[in-house]
Amino acid sequence: MKVTVKVKANSLPIDTEYIKLQDAMKLSNCVESGGEAKVRIQEGQVKVNGEVCQMRGKKLRPGDTFSYRGASYEITARS
């Protein structure tokens, strides 16, 4: 039997077409600085859309999600 747990993602609204992963991590306050974001991403601690991502410049657009340390964030367009 397969059990799936769906965790509700926190909304992270942006005004632009996209936001870079490291900037999204800073904006969401899940890291203290861009330097910390860079390290966490390069160490493979961050998932984008459910897969480990080691590209700190990864462009996230509305509908994309990232997760770090058990918390999930969904990029949304600010209305």
PDB file of N, CA and C in Angstrom:
ATOM      1  N   MET A   1       0.847  -1.174   0.000  1.00  0.00           N
ATOM      2  CA  MET A   1       0.000   0.000   0.000  1.00  0.00           C
ATOM      3  C   MET A   1       0.887   1.229   0.000  1.00  0.00           C
ATOM      4  N   LYS A   2       0.619   2.155  -0.894  1.00  0.00           N
ATOM      5  CA  LYS A   2       1.383   3.390  -1.000  1.00  0.00           C
ATOM      6  C   LYS A   2       0.612   4.503  -0.301  1.00  0.00           C
ATOM      7  N   VAL A   3       1.294   5.217   0.580  1.00  0.00           N
ATOM      8  CA  VAL A   3       0.677   6.330   1.295  1.00  0.00           C
ATOM      9  C   VAL A   3       1.300   7.620   0.798  1.00  0.00           C
ATOM     10  N   THR A   4       0.470   8.565   0.418  1.00  0.00           N
ATOM     11  CA  THR A   4       0.944   9.856  -0.040  1.00  0.00           C
ATOM     12  C   THR A   4       0.484  10.927   0.929  1.00  0.00           C
ATOM     13  N   VAL A   5       1.430  11.730   1.378  1.00  0.00           N
ATOM     14  CA  VAL A   5       1.104  12.829   2.273  1.00  0.00           C
ATOM     15  C   VAL A   5       1.270  14.120   1.491  1.00  0.00           C
ATOM     16  N   LYS A   6       0.227  14.892   1.419  1.00  0.00           N
ATOM     17  CA  LYS A   6       0.287  16.141   0.686  1.00  0.00           C
ATOM     18  C   LYS A   6       0.402  17.281   1.688  1.00  0.00           C
ATOM     19  N   VAL A   7       1.473  18.036   1.591  1.00  0.00           N
ATOM     20  CA  VAL A   7       1.713  19.155   2.485  1.00  0.00           C
ATOM     21  C   VAL A   7       1.333  20.436   1.765  1.00  0.00           C
ATOM     22  N   LYS A   8       0.570  21.265   2.447  1.00  0.00           N
ATOM     23  CA  LYS A   8       0.162  22.521   1.844  1.00  0.00           C
ATOM     24  C   LYS A   8       1.361  23.454   1.747  1.00  0.00           C
ATOM     25  N   ALA A   9       1.555  24.031   0.577  1.00  0.00           N
ATOM     26  CA  ALA A   9       2.674  24.938   0.346  1.00  0.00           C
ATOM     27  C   ALA A   9       2.307  26.355   0.763  1.00  0.00           C
ATOM     28  N   ASN A  10       3.291  27.056   1.305  1.00  0.00           N
ATOM     29  CA  ASN A  10       3.123  28.469   1.600  1.00  0.00           C
ATOM     30  C   ASN A  10       3.169  29.226   0.285  1.00  0.00           C
ATOM     31  N   SER A  11       2.345  30.245   0.151  1.00  0.00           N
ATOM     32  CA  SER A  11       2.301  31.050  -1.071  1.00  0.00           C
ATOM     33  C   SER A  11       3.399  32.105  -1.031  1.00  0.00           C
ATOM     34  N   LEU A  12       4.111  32.248  -2.131  1.00  0.00           N
ATOM     35  CA  LEU A  12       5.160  33.252  -2.255  1.00  0.00           C
ATOM     36  C   LEU A  12       4.860  34.084  -3.504  1.00  0.00           C
ATOM     37  N   PRO A  13       4.086  35.180  -3.352  1.00  0.00           N
ATOM     38  CA  PRO A  13       3.697  35.984  -4.510  1.00  0.00           C
ATOM     39  C   PRO A  13       4.844  36.842  -5.056  1.00  0.00           C
ATOM     40  N   ILE A  14       4.930  36.920  -6.383  1.00  0.00           N
ATOM     41  CA  ILE A  14       5.941  37.755  -7.035  1.00  0.00           C
ATOM     42  C   ILE A  14       5.270  38.678  -8.044  1.00  0.00           C
ATOM     43  N   ASP A  15       5.916  39.804  -8.320  1.00  0.00           N
ATOM     44  CA  ASP A  15       5.400  40.785  -9.283  1.00  0.00           C
ATOM     45  C   ASP A  15       6.035  40.634 -10.657  1.00  0.00           C
ATOM     46  N   THR A  16       7.079  39.835 -10.754  1.00  0.00           N
ATOM     47  CA  THR A  16       7.837  39.694 -11.983  1.00  0.00           C
ATOM     48  C   THR A  16       7.493  38.380 -12.684  1.00  0.00           C
ATOM     49  N   GLU A  17       8.057  38.177 -13.864  1.00  0.00           N
ATOM     50  CA  GLU A  17       7.803  36.962 -14.635  1.00  0.00           C
ATOM     51  C   GLU A  17       8.355  35.727 -13.925  1.00  0.00           C
ATOM     52  N   TYR A  18       9.511  35.890 -13.277  1.00  0.00           N
ATOM     53  CA  TYR A  18      10.150  34.782 -12.577  1.00  0.00           C
ATOM     54  C   TYR A  18      10.978  35.320 -11.414  1.00  0.00           C
ATOM     55  N   ILE A  19      11.435  34.400 -10.558  1.00  0.00           N
ATOM     56  CA  ILE A  19      12.350  34.728  -9.472  1.00  0.00           C
ATOM     57  C   ILE A  19      13.374  33.605  -9.406  1.00  0.00           C
ATOM     58  N   LYS A  20      14.624  33.968  -9.166  1.00  0.00           N
ATOM     59  CA  LYS A  20      15.668  32.942  -9.055  1.00  0.00           C
ATOM     60  C   LYS A  20      15.505  32.210  -7.730  1.00  0.00           C
ATOM     61  N   LEU A  21      15.862  30.930  -7.740  1.00  0.00           N
ATOM     62  CA  LEU A  21      15.698  30.079  -6.570  1.00  0.00           C
ATOM     63  C   LEU A  21      16.337  30.680  -5.330  1.00  0.00           C
ATOM     64  N   GLN A  22      17.576  31.135  -5.429  1.00  0.00           N
ATOM     65  CA  GLN A  22      18.252  31.683  -4.249  1.00  0.00           C
ATOM     66  C   GLN A  22      17.537  32.915  -3.720  1.00  0.00           C
ATOM     67  N   ASP A  23      16.966  33.726  -4.621  1.00  0.00           N
ATOM     68  CA  ASP A  23      16.224  34.919  -4.195  1.00  0.00           C
ATOM     69  C   ASP A  23      14.894  34.532  -3.549  1.00  0.00           C
ATOM     70  N   ALA A  24      14.268  33.493  -4.067  1.00  0.00           N
ATOM     71  CA  ALA A  24      13.012  33.015  -3.483  1.00  0.00           C
ATOM     72  C   ALA A  24      13.244  32.489  -2.070  1.00  0.00           C
ATOM     73  N   MET A  25      14.378  31.842  -1.869  1.00  0.00           N
ATOM     74  CA  MET A  25      14.702  31.338  -0.534  1.00  0.00           C
ATOM     75  C   MET A  25      14.906  32.479   0.451  1.00  0.00           C
ATOM     76  N   LYS A  26      15.551  33.557  -0.004  1.00  0.00           N
ATOM     77  CA  LYS A  26      15.742  34.724   0.864  1.00  0.00           C
ATOM     78  C   LYS A  26      14.408  35.412   1.130  1.00  0.00           C
ATOM     79  N   LEU A  27      13.586  35.577   0.096  1.00  0.00           N
ATOM     80  CA  LEU A  27      12.292  36.247   0.227  1.00  0.00           C
ATOM     81  C   LEU A  27      11.372  35.502   1.186  1.00  0.00           C
ATOM     82  N   SER A  28      11.448  34.193   1.186  1.00  0.00           N
ATOM     83  CA  SER A  28      10.591  33.382   2.052  1.00  0.00           C
ATOM     84  C   SER A  28      11.135  33.280   3.481  1.00  0.00           C
ATOM     85  N   ASN A  29      12.303  33.853   3.716  1.00  0.00           N
ATOM     86  CA  ASN A  29      12.958  33.826   5.029  1.00  0.00           C
ATOM     87  C   ASN A  29      13.346  32.422   5.496  1.00  0.00           C
ATOM     88  N   CYS A  30      13.538  31.508   4.571  1.00  0.00           N
ATOM     89  CA  CYS A  30      13.969  30.170   5.000  1.00  0.00           C
ATOM     90  C   CYS A  30      15.495  30.098   5.111  1.00  0.00           C
ATOM     91  N   VAL A  31      16.200  31.121   4.655  1.00  0.00           N
ATOM     92  CA  VAL A  31      17.644  31.254   4.868  1.00  0.00           C
ATOM     93  C   VAL A  31      17.931  32.695   5.273  1.00  0.00           C
ATOM     94  N   GLU A  32      19.076  32.906   5.896  1.00  0.00           N
ATOM     95  CA  GLU A  32      19.461  34.235   6.373  1.00  0.00           C
ATOM     96  C   GLU A  32      20.050  35.112   5.268  1.00  0.00           C
ATOM     97  N   SER A  33      20.744  34.481   4.309  1.00  0.00           N
ATOM     98  CA  SER A  33      21.454  35.268   3.300  1.00  0.00           C
ATOM     99  C   SER A  33      21.536  34.519   1.974  1.00  0.00           C
ATOM    100  N   GLY A  34      21.962  35.261   0.950  1.00  0.00           N
ATOM    101  CA  GLY A  34      22.170  34.640  -0.347  1.00  0.00           C
ATOM    102  C   GLY A  34      23.291  33.618  -0.305  1.00  0.00           C
ATOM    103  N   GLY A  35      24.302  33.885   0.520  1.00  0.00           N
ATOM    104  CA  GLY A  35      25.410  32.941   0.670  1.00  0.00           C
ATOM    105  C   GLY A  35      24.952  31.621   1.250  1.00  0.00           C
ATOM    106  N   GLU A  36      24.066  31.709   2.239  1.00  0.00           N
ATOM    107  CA  GLU A  36      23.537  30.481   2.831  1.00  0.00           C
ATOM    108  C   GLU A  36      22.685  29.729   1.812  1.00  0.00           C
ATOM    109  N   ALA A  37      21.884  30.464   1.043  1.00  0.00           N
ATOM    110  CA  ALA A  37      21.053  29.836   0.006  1.00  0.00           C
ATOM    111  C   ALA A  37      21.931  29.091  -0.996  1.00  0.00           C
ATOM    112  N   LYS A  38      23.012  29.737  -1.415  1.00  0.00           N
ATOM    113  CA  LYS A  38      23.933  29.124  -2.376  1.00  0.00           C
ATOM    114  C   LYS A  38      24.461  27.788  -1.847  1.00  0.00           C
ATOM    115  N   VAL A  39      24.903  27.777  -0.597  1.00  0.00           N
ATOM    116  CA  VAL A  39      25.453  26.558   0.001  1.00  0.00           C
ATOM    117  C   VAL A  39      24.394  25.468   0.083  1.00  0.00           C
ATOM    118  N   ARG A  40      23.207  25.804   0.581  1.00  0.00           N
ATOM    119  CA  ARG A  40      22.141  24.808   0.746  1.00  0.00           C
ATOM    120  C   ARG A  40      21.740  24.213  -0.601  1.00  0.00           C
ATOM    121  N   ILE A  41      21.662  25.053  -1.629  1.00  0.00           N
ATOM    122  CA  ILE A  41      21.293  24.578  -2.969  1.00  0.00           C
ATOM    123  C   ILE A  41      22.379  23.661  -3.517  1.00  0.00           C
ATOM    124  N   GLN A  42      23.638  24.093  -3.435  1.00  0.00           N
ATOM    125  CA  GLN A  42      24.740  23.297  -3.985  1.00  0.00           C
ATOM    126  C   GLN A  42      24.941  21.988  -3.240  1.00  0.00           C
ATOM    127  N   GLU A  43      24.528  21.934  -1.979  1.00  0.00           N
ATOM    128  CA  GLU A  43      24.618  20.691  -1.210  1.00  0.00           C
ATOM    129  C   GLU A  43      23.455  19.742  -1.508  1.00  0.00           C
ATOM    130  N   GLY A  44      22.499  20.177  -2.338  1.00  0.00           N
ATOM    131  CA  GLY A  44      21.384  19.312  -2.713  1.00  0.00           C
ATOM    132  C   GLY A  44      20.284  19.240  -1.679  1.00  0.00           C
ATOM    133  N   GLN A  45      20.160  20.275  -0.834  1.00  0.00           N
ATOM    134  CA  GLN A  45      19.159  20.281   0.230  1.00  0.00           C
ATOM    135  C   GLN A  45      17.818  20.874  -0.204  1.00  0.00           C
ATOM    136  N   VAL A  46      17.733  21.349  -1.446  1.00  0.00           N
ATOM    137  CA  VAL A  46      16.525  22.033  -1.915  1.00  0.00           C
ATOM    138  C   VAL A  46      15.909  21.249  -3.075  1.00  0.00           C
ATOM    139  N   LYS A  47      14.591  21.125  -3.035  1.00  0.00           N
ATOM    140  CA  LYS A  47      13.871  20.487  -4.137  1.00  0.00           C
ATOM    141  C   LYS A  47      13.030  21.529  -4.869  1.00  0.00           C
ATOM    142  N   VAL A  48      13.002  21.422  -6.185  1.00  0.00           N
ATOM    143  CA  VAL A  48      12.148  22.267  -7.023  1.00  0.00           C
ATOM    144  C   VAL A  48      11.203  21.344  -7.764  1.00  0.00           C
ATOM    145  N   ASN A  49       9.914  21.582  -7.592  1.00  0.00           N
ATOM    146  CA  ASN A  49       8.892  20.746  -8.212  1.00  0.00           C
ATOM    147  C   ASN A  49       9.118  19.258  -7.915  1.00  0.00           C
ATOM    148  N   GLY A  50       9.554  18.985  -6.672  1.00  0.00           N
ATOM    149  CA  GLY A  50       9.701  17.610  -6.208  1.00  0.00           C
ATOM    150  C   GLY A  50      11.027  16.937  -6.502  1.00  0.00           C
ATOM    151  N   GLU A  51      11.944  17.627  -7.205  1.00  0.00           N
ATOM    152  CA  GLU A  51      13.235  17.031  -7.544  1.00  0.00           C
ATOM    153  C   GLU A  51      14.369  17.889  -7.010  1.00  0.00           C
ATOM    154  N   VAL A  52      15.425  17.241  -6.550  1.00  0.00           N
ATOM    155  CA  VAL A  52      16.587  17.981  -6.043  1.00  0.00           C
ATOM    156  C   VAL A  52      17.115  18.896  -7.143  1.00  0.00           C
ATOM    157  N   CYS A  53      17.379  20.146  -6.770  1.00  0.00           N
ATOM    158  CA  CYS A  53      17.899  21.130  -7.722  1.00  0.00           C
ATOM    159  C   CYS A  53      19.163  21.742  -7.143  1.00  0.00           C
ATOM    160  N   GLN A  54      20.240  21.740  -7.906  1.00  0.00           N
ATOM    161  CA  GLN A  54      21.492  22.319  -7.452  1.00  0.00           C
ATOM    162  C   GLN A  54      21.867  23.552  -8.270  1.00  0.00           C
ATOM    163  N   MET A  55      20.889  24.138  -8.951  1.00  0.00           N
ATOM    164  CA  MET A  55      21.110  25.349  -9.745  1.00  0.00           C
ATOM    165  C   MET A  55      20.540  26.543  -8.980  1.00  0.00           C
ATOM    166  N   ARG A  56      21.419  27.363  -8.377  1.00  0.00           N
ATOM    167  CA  ARG A  56      20.921  28.469  -7.561  1.00  0.00           C
ATOM    168  C   ARG A  56      20.246  29.541  -8.409  1.00  0.00           C
ATOM    169  N   GLY A  57      20.593  29.630  -9.691  1.00  0.00           N
ATOM    170  CA  GLY A  57      19.982  30.600 -10.578  1.00  0.00           C
ATOM    171  C   GLY A  57      18.727  30.080 -11.264  1.00  0.00           C
ATOM    172  N   LYS A  58      18.244  28.911 -10.840  1.00  0.00           N
ATOM    173  CA  LYS A  58      17.045  28.300 -11.432  1.00  0.00           C
ATOM    174  C   LYS A  58      15.899  29.300 -11.399  1.00  0.00           C
ATOM    175  N   LYS A  59      15.268  29.526 -12.532  1.00  0.00           N
ATOM    176  CA  LYS A  59      14.154  30.469 -12.612  1.00  0.00           C
ATOM    177  C   LYS A  59      12.855  29.776 -12.219  1.00  0.00           C
ATOM    178  N   LEU A  60      12.198  30.328 -11.226  1.00  0.00           N
ATOM    179  CA  LEU A  60      10.916  29.814 -10.770  1.00  0.00           C
ATOM    180  C   LEU A  60       9.822  30.749 -11.250  1.00  0.00           C
ATOM    181  N   ARG A  61       8.781  30.169 -11.817  1.00  0.00           N
ATOM    182  CA  ARG A  61       7.649  30.941 -12.327  1.00  0.00           C
ATOM    183  C   ARG A  61       6.399  30.566 -11.547  1.00  0.00           C
ATOM    184  N   PRO A  62       5.360  31.394 -11.616  1.00  0.00           N
ATOM    185  CA  PRO A  62       4.117  31.037 -10.913  1.00  0.00           C
ATOM    186  C   PRO A  62       3.691  29.607 -11.232  1.00  0.00           C
ATOM    187  N   GLY A  63       3.367  28.861 -10.183  1.00  0.00           N
ATOM    188  CA  GLY A  63       3.005  27.450 -10.317  1.00  0.00           C
ATOM    189  C   GLY A  63       4.124  26.522  -9.887  1.00  0.00           C
ATOM    190  N   ASP A  64       5.372  27.016  -9.899  1.00  0.00           N
ATOM    191  CA  ASP A  64       6.507  26.208  -9.443  1.00  0.00           C
ATOM    192  C   ASP A  64       6.519  26.160  -7.924  1.00  0.00           C
ATOM    193  N   THR A  65       7.096  25.100  -7.385  1.00  0.00           N
ATOM    194  CA  THR A  65       7.238  24.974  -5.937  1.00  0.00           C
ATOM    195  C   THR A  65       8.687  24.645  -5.595  1.00  0.00           C
ATOM    196  N   PHE A  66       9.085  25.028  -4.397  1.00  0.00           N
ATOM    197  CA  PHE A  66      10.369  24.572  -3.878  1.00  0.00           C
ATOM    198  C   PHE A  66      10.178  24.204  -2.420  1.00  0.00           C
ATOM    199  N   SER A  67      11.010  23.284  -1.952  1.00  0.00           N
ATOM    200  CA  SER A  67      10.919  22.876  -0.556  1.00  0.00           C
ATOM    201  C   SER A  67      12.309  22.814   0.045  1.00  0.00           C
ATOM    202  N   TYR A  68      12.349  23.141   1.337  1.00  0.00           N
ATOM    203  CA  TYR A  68      13.604  23.161   2.075  1.00  0.00           C
ATOM    204  C   TYR A  68      13.289  22.915   3.541  1.00  0.00           C
ATOM    205  N   ARG A  69      13.961  21.936   4.131  1.00  0.00           N
ATOM    206  CA  ARG A  69      13.793  21.581   5.542  1.00  0.00           C
ATOM    207  C   ARG A  69      12.332  21.355   5.942  1.00  0.00           C
ATOM    208  N   GLY A  70      11.601  20.645   5.114  1.00  0.00           N
ATOM    209  CA  GLY A  70      10.233  20.272   5.438  1.00  0.00           C
ATOM    210  C   GLY A  70       9.173  21.313   5.129  1.00  0.00           C
ATOM    211  N   ALA A  71       9.585  22.508   4.723  1.00  0.00           N
ATOM    212  CA  ALA A  71       8.619  23.548   4.371  1.00  0.00           C
ATOM    213  C   ALA A  71       8.552  23.669   2.849  1.00  0.00           C
ATOM    214  N   SER A  72       7.335  23.862   2.327  1.00  0.00           N
ATOM    215  CA  SER A  72       7.144  24.005   0.883  1.00  0.00           C
ATOM    216  C   SER A  72       6.597  25.389   0.573  1.00  0.00           C
ATOM    217  N   TYR A  73       7.018  25.913  -0.566  1.00  0.00           N
ATOM    218  CA  TYR A  73       6.615  27.246  -1.006  1.00  0.00           C
ATOM    219  C   TYR A  73       6.185  27.173  -2.461  1.00  0.00           C
ATOM    220  N   GLU A  74       5.063  27.811  -2.768  1.00  0.00           N
ATOM    221  CA  GLU A  74       4.579  27.855  -4.148  1.00  0.00           C
ATOM    222  C   GLU A  74       4.669  29.285  -4.647  1.00  0.00           C
ATOM    223  N   ILE A  75       5.306  29.441  -5.815  1.00  0.00           N
ATOM    224  CA  ILE A  75       5.415  30.756  -6.427  1.00  0.00           C
ATOM    225  C   ILE A  75       4.067  31.089  -7.054  1.00  0.00           C
ATOM    226  N   THR A  76       3.540  32.261  -6.731  1.00  0.00           N
ATOM    227  CA  THR A  76       2.262  32.717  -7.276  1.00  0.00           C
ATOM    228  C   THR A  76       2.436  34.108  -7.861  1.00  0.00           C
ATOM    229  N   ALA A  77       1.551  34.468  -8.770  1.00  0.00           N
ATOM    230  CA  ALA A  77       1.553  35.822  -9.332  1.00  0.00           C
ATOM    231  C   ALA A  77       0.758  36.716  -8.393  1.00  0.00           C
ATOM    232  N   ARG A  78       1.353  37.838  -8.045  1.00  0.00           N
ATOM    233  CA  ARG A  78       0.660  38.797  -7.184  1.00  0.00           C
ATOM    234  C   ARG A  78      -0.480  39.416  -7.984  1.00  0.00           C
ATOM    235  N   SER A  79      -1.668  39.458  -7.387  1.00  0.00           N
ATOM    236  CA  SER A  79      -2.818  40.018  -8.117  1.00  0.00           C
ATOM    237  C   SER A  79      -3.103  41.429  -7.711  1.00  0.00           C
TER     238      SER A  79
END
